[in-house]
Amino acid sequence: MSDDAEAIRAWWRTSIIDMSPGKIAFRGHPIEELIGNVSFPQMIWLMTAGRLASPEEAALLEAALVAGVDHGPQAPSIAAARMAATCGVGLNNAMANGVNMLGDVHGGAGEQCAELYYDINERIDGGVSLEEAVHSGLDEWRTENGKIVSGFGHRFHNPVDPRAPRLMALVREAAKAGTVSGRYADIGEAVQANLSARKPLAMNIDGATAVIFCELGFPAPLSRGLFCLSRSVGILSHAWEQMQQGGRNKGPMPPAYLPKYDKV
């Protein structure tokens, strides 16, 4: 092979897929051996983490993915997908419109919370107690990000987000079975206790799924990507439902209600 040909082939380099005519292998596993033998969460794990997850690891990942699929048409990402569906675009366009709404404020809290948990864990590894690590970690968080701590508090679900206790119970069961360490469950609950010292504050879906993603060893940025995968299910179902309901050019408010005009 000429140097030019090799340079062209090396333009994109990947260890994810080995594909040539008649051959498809993911991370060294032929596709025909994966189909029917691994679950979708295991496939997600293989593609992102580079190895096949155990059934127990995959079950915990799946629980996090199930918990985050939807939060109703009032969620900006869902509303955007439904509005797009009334504008004559295809289902994939409506889904993309919704996924593209998942940013730092709406959709990024899981990544931010995972960063906080990893920071607290590093402080513990440095020799301080859990309580000291949480206290100093939160102080630094507030200095850099303000008083709102991602993963805690919810405008609808206070003092309990119904998703979080179930997820945390599954983490505790997995820790008891030796699937995960349970360290990040301790950190998450210690953060909640610190934040609830004066008034009860819910650990929300982002705080609980961040515990799971950290327990499973996923880097913090992947937390957002995994949440996007999860919420895509809700975005898909709402966009499809809206297409079945019909409607044309639906905006954020019924046409009888117009935005308030602020006179300059």
Protein backbone atom coordinates (compact mmCIF):
# COMPACT_ATOMS: atom_id res chain seq x y z
CA MET A 1 0.00 0.00 0.00
CA SER A 2 1.36 3.40 -0.95
CA ASP A 3 2.11 6.05 1.63
CA ASP A 4 -0.73 8.19 0.24
CA ALA A 5 -3.21 5.33 0.52
CA GLU A 6 -2.14 4.63 4.10
CA ALA A 7 -2.46 8.32 4.96
CA ILE A 8 -5.98 8.34 3.52
CA ARG A 9 -6.96 5.26 5.53
CA ALA A 10 -5.51 6.82 8.69
CA TRP A 11 -7.53 10.02 8.22
CA TRP A 12 -10.16 8.51 10.51
CA ARG A 13 -8.85 6.09 13.13
CA THR A 14 -11.15 3.98 15.29
CA SER A 15 -10.98 1.06 17.67
CA ILE A 16 -14.77 0.89 17.79
CA ILE A 17 -15.60 -0.89 14.56
CA ASP A 18 -13.73 -3.09 12.08
CA MET A 19 -15.80 -3.01 8.93
CA SER A 20 -15.06 -4.32 5.46
CA PRO A 21 -17.17 -6.08 2.82
CA GLY A 22 -18.90 -8.99 4.54
CA LYS A 23 -17.45 -8.15 7.95
CA ILE A 24 -18.68 -6.06 10.89
CA ALA A 25 -17.03 -6.34 14.30
CA PHE A 26 -17.43 -4.06 17.31
CA ARG A 27 -14.46 -3.92 19.70
CA GLY A 28 -13.33 -7.28 18.32
CA HIS A 29 -16.76 -8.94 18.61
CA PRO A 30 -18.37 -10.05 15.31
CA ILE A 31 -21.84 -8.54 14.99
CA GLU A 32 -23.38 -11.94 14.36
CA GLU A 33 -22.16 -13.06 17.78
CA LEU A 34 -23.61 -9.99 19.49
CA ILE A 35 -27.06 -10.06 17.90
CA GLY A 36 -29.43 -11.97 20.15
CA ASN A 37 -26.78 -12.50 22.81
CA VAL A 38 -26.25 -9.08 24.38
CA SER A 39 -28.74 -6.50 25.62
CA PHE A 40 -28.93 -2.94 24.33
CA PRO A 41 -27.38 -1.56 27.56
CA GLN A 42 -24.52 -4.04 27.15
CA MET A 43 -24.08 -2.82 23.59
CA ILE A 44 -23.99 0.79 24.75
CA TRP A 45 -21.34 -0.19 27.28
CA LEU A 46 -19.29 -2.06 24.69
CA MET A 47 -19.36 0.86 22.28
CA THR A 48 -18.52 3.56 24.84
CA ALA A 49 -16.36 1.75 27.40
CA GLY A 50 -14.66 -0.78 25.18
CA ARG A 51 -15.73 -3.97 26.90
CA LEU A 52 -18.84 -6.04 27.43
CA ALA A 53 -20.57 -5.28 30.71
CA SER A 54 -21.64 -8.04 33.01
CA PRO A 55 -25.41 -8.60 33.17
CA GLU A 56 -25.39 -7.01 36.64
CA GLU A 57 -23.53 -3.90 35.46
CA ALA A 58 -25.80 -3.61 32.43
CA ALA A 59 -28.90 -3.91 34.62
CA LEU A 60 -27.77 -0.95 36.72
CA LEU A 61 -27.03 1.11 33.61
CA GLU A 62 -30.41 0.15 32.20
CA ALA A 63 -32.16 1.31 35.38
CA ALA A 64 -30.58 4.76 34.98
CA LEU A 65 -31.58 4.91 31.32
CA VAL A 66 -35.16 3.86 32.08
CA ALA A 67 -35.51 6.47 34.83
CA GLY A 68 -34.64 9.41 32.60
CA VAL A 69 -36.73 8.76 29.50
CA ASP A 70 -39.29 11.55 29.90
CA HIS A 71 -40.59 14.36 32.09
CA GLY A 72 -43.57 15.63 30.12
CA PRO A 73 -44.38 18.27 27.47
CA GLN A 74 -43.37 21.07 29.83
CA ALA A 75 -39.74 19.98 29.52
CA PRO A 76 -38.10 22.22 26.87
CA SER A 77 -36.61 19.33 24.91
CA ILE A 78 -39.98 17.57 24.67
CA ALA A 79 -41.84 20.79 23.86
CA ALA A 80 -39.35 21.59 21.12
CA ALA A 81 -39.78 18.16 19.55
CA ARG A 82 -43.57 18.44 19.63
CA MET A 83 -43.54 21.91 18.11
CA ALA A 84 -41.16 20.72 15.40
CA ALA A 85 -43.48 17.81 14.64
CA THR A 86 -46.27 20.29 13.78
CA CYS A 87 -44.05 22.11 11.29
CA GLY A 88 -43.98 19.38 8.67
CA VAL A 89 -40.51 18.02 9.42
CA GLY A 90 -39.67 14.33 9.64
CA LEU A 91 -39.52 12.32 12.84
CA ASN A 92 -35.73 12.39 12.86
CA ASN A 93 -35.76 16.20 12.51
CA ALA A 94 -38.18 16.54 15.41
CA MET A 95 -35.98 14.27 17.52
CA ALA A 96 -32.84 16.20 16.62
CA ASN A 97 -34.60 19.43 17.54
CA GLY A 98 -35.36 18.04 21.00
CA VAL A 99 -31.94 16.53 21.61
CA ASN A 100 -30.31 19.81 20.62
CA MET A 101 -32.14 21.49 23.52
CA LEU A 102 -30.18 19.38 26.02
CA GLY A 103 -27.51 21.81 27.14
CA ASP A 104 -25.81 22.95 30.32
CA VAL A 105 -29.04 24.10 32.00
CA HIS A 106 -31.51 21.54 30.65
CA GLY A 107 -29.79 18.18 30.32
CA GLY A 108 -26.32 18.90 31.64
CA ALA A 109 -26.91 18.50 35.37
CA GLY A 110 -25.95 14.83 35.39
CA GLU A 111 -22.53 15.58 33.93
CA GLN A 112 -22.02 18.46 36.37
CA CYS A 113 -23.09 16.33 39.32
CA ALA A 114 -20.75 13.52 38.26
CA GLU A 115 -17.91 16.05 38.17
CA LEU A 116 -18.80 17.06 41.74
CA TYR A 117 -18.86 13.42 42.90
CA TYR A 118 -15.51 12.67 41.25
CA ASP A 119 -14.02 15.78 42.84
CA ILE A 120 -15.23 14.73 46.29
CA ASN A 121 -13.87 11.23 45.72
CA GLU A 122 -10.45 12.66 44.88
CA ARG A 123 -10.52 14.63 48.13
CA ILE A 124 -11.30 11.45 50.05
CA ASP A 125 -8.43 9.68 48.29
CA GLY A 126 -6.28 12.59 49.41
CA GLY A 127 -6.87 11.61 53.02
CA VAL A 128 -9.80 13.69 54.26
CA SER A 129 -13.04 12.32 55.67
CA LEU A 130 -16.23 12.00 53.66
CA GLU A 131 -17.81 14.88 55.56
CA GLU A 132 -14.79 17.14 55.08
CA ALA A 133 -14.58 16.24 51.39
CA VAL A 134 -18.25 17.05 50.86
CA HIS A 135 -17.97 20.33 52.76
CA SER A 136 -14.89 21.55 50.88
CA GLY A 137 -16.17 20.20 47.56
CA LEU A 138 -19.45 22.06 47.90
CA ASP A 139 -17.67 25.25 48.95
CA GLU A 140 -15.56 25.13 45.80
CA TRP A 141 -18.62 24.27 43.70
CA ARG A 142 -20.53 27.31 44.96
CA THR A 143 -17.54 29.56 44.38
CA GLU A 144 -17.28 28.45 40.77
CA ASN A 145 -20.93 27.76 39.86
CA GLY A 146 -23.22 29.58 42.28
CA LYS A 147 -25.60 28.36 44.94
CA ILE A 148 -27.54 25.82 42.84
CA VAL A 149 -25.93 22.38 43.10
CA SER A 150 -26.63 20.24 40.06
CA GLY A 151 -28.37 16.97 40.90
CA PHE A 152 -30.25 18.31 43.92
CA GLY A 153 -33.58 20.08 44.25
CA HIS A 154 -36.50 19.95 41.83
CA ARG A 155 -39.17 22.49 40.98
CA PHE A 156 -41.87 19.79 40.91
CA HIS A 157 -40.59 17.00 43.13
CA ASN A 158 -39.76 18.22 46.63
CA PRO A 159 -38.81 16.94 49.10
CA VAL A 160 -38.62 13.63 47.13
CA ASP A 161 -38.03 12.96 43.45
CA PRO A 162 -39.73 9.54 43.13
CA ARG A 163 -37.04 8.27 40.78
CA ALA A 164 -34.06 8.83 43.06
CA PRO A 165 -34.86 6.53 46.02
CA ARG A 166 -35.52 3.58 43.72
CA LEU A 167 -32.27 4.13 41.84
CA MET A 168 -30.31 4.50 45.06
CA ALA A 169 -31.85 1.30 46.41
CA LEU A 170 -30.67 -0.52 43.28
CA VAL A 171 -27.17 0.89 43.75
CA ARG A 172 -27.14 -0.36 47.35
CA GLU A 173 -28.26 -3.80 46.20
CA ALA A 174 -25.54 -3.81 43.54
CA ALA A 175 -22.93 -2.76 46.11
CA LYS A 176 -24.04 -5.53 48.46
CA ALA A 177 -23.63 -8.02 45.61
CA GLY A 178 -20.17 -6.68 44.80
CA THR A 179 -21.13 -5.27 41.39
CA VAL A 180 -20.11 -1.73 42.42
CA SER A 181 -18.29 -0.25 45.40
CA GLY A 182 -21.07 1.89 46.84
CA ARG A 183 -18.63 4.75 47.42
CA TYR A 184 -20.47 7.16 45.15
CA ALA A 185 -23.78 6.26 46.76
CA ASP A 186 -22.17 7.33 50.05
CA ILE A 187 -20.96 10.55 48.44
CA GLY A 188 -24.35 11.35 46.88
CA GLU A 189 -26.20 10.77 50.13
CA ALA A 190 -23.63 12.80 52.06
CA VAL A 191 -24.06 15.70 49.65
CA GLN A 192 -27.84 15.49 50.06
CA ALA A 193 -27.51 15.42 53.85
CA ASN A 194 -25.26 18.48 53.76
CA LEU A 195 -27.65 20.39 51.51
CA SER A 196 -30.66 19.32 53.60
CA ALA A 197 -29.21 20.46 56.93
CA ARG A 198 -31.66 23.36 57.14
CA LYS A 199 -34.47 22.26 54.83
CA PRO A 200 -35.10 18.89 53.13
CA LEU A 201 -33.83 18.94 49.55
CA ALA A 202 -34.47 16.21 47.02
CA MET A 203 -31.75 14.29 45.27
CA ASN A 204 -33.16 14.48 41.77
CA ILE A 205 -32.89 12.20 38.75
CA ASP A 206 -29.56 13.76 37.75
CA GLY A 207 -28.07 13.27 41.21
CA ALA A 208 -29.13 9.63 41.31
CA THR A 209 -28.10 8.71 37.77
CA ALA A 210 -24.77 10.47 38.35
CA VAL A 211 -24.22 8.10 41.28
CA ILE A 212 -24.81 5.16 38.96
CA PHE A 213 -22.62 6.47 36.15
CA CYS A 214 -19.79 7.15 38.61
CA GLU A 215 -20.20 3.75 40.28
CA LEU A 216 -19.92 2.16 36.84
CA GLY A 217 -16.82 4.18 36.00
CA PHE A 218 -18.15 6.35 33.18
CA PRO A 219 -16.30 9.67 32.73
CA ALA A 220 -18.45 12.70 33.62
CA PRO A 221 -18.95 13.94 30.02
CA LEU A 222 -20.44 10.57 29.08
CA SER A 223 -23.14 11.16 31.70
CA ARG A 224 -24.66 13.78 29.43
CA GLY A 225 -24.41 11.55 26.38
CA LEU A 226 -26.06 8.68 28.22
CA PHE A 227 -28.82 11.01 29.42
CA CYS A 228 -29.35 12.12 25.81
CA LEU A 229 -29.79 8.48 24.81
CA SER A 230 -32.32 8.00 27.59
CA ARG A 231 -34.30 11.18 26.93
CA SER A 232 -34.34 10.42 23.20
CA VAL A 233 -36.92 7.75 23.97
CA GLY A 234 -39.30 10.34 25.41
CA ILE A 235 -38.51 12.78 22.61
CA LEU A 236 -39.29 10.09 20.03
CA SER A 237 -42.57 9.08 21.67
CA HIS A 238 -43.81 12.66 22.09
CA ALA A 239 -42.88 13.64 18.54
CA TRP A 240 -44.67 10.56 17.22
CA GLU A 241 -47.72 11.20 19.40
CA GLN A 242 -47.90 14.79 18.16
CA MET A 243 -47.77 13.60 14.58
CA GLN A 244 -50.73 11.33 15.27
CA GLN A 245 -52.66 14.15 16.96
CA GLY A 246 -52.04 16.52 14.07
CA GLY A 247 -51.86 20.27 14.39
CA ARG A 248 -50.00 22.79 12.29
CA ASN A 249 -47.35 25.28 13.35
CA LYS A 250 -48.08 24.98 17.04
CA GLY A 251 -46.10 27.50 19.02
CA PRO A 252 -45.31 27.57 22.74
CA MET A 253 -48.69 29.15 23.60
CA PRO A 254 -52.24 28.85 22.18
CA PRO A 255 -52.85 31.54 19.53
CA ALA A 256 -55.39 33.31 21.77
CA TYR A 257 -52.51 34.19 24.10
CA LEU A 258 -49.83 36.51 22.80
CA PRO A 259 -46.53 37.37 24.45
CA LYS A 260 -46.56 40.38 26.72
CA TYR A 261 -45.34 43.48 24.92
CA ASP A 262 -42.90 45.60 26.87
CA LYS A 263 -43.20 49.13 25.61
CA VAL A 264 -39.81 50.74 25.17
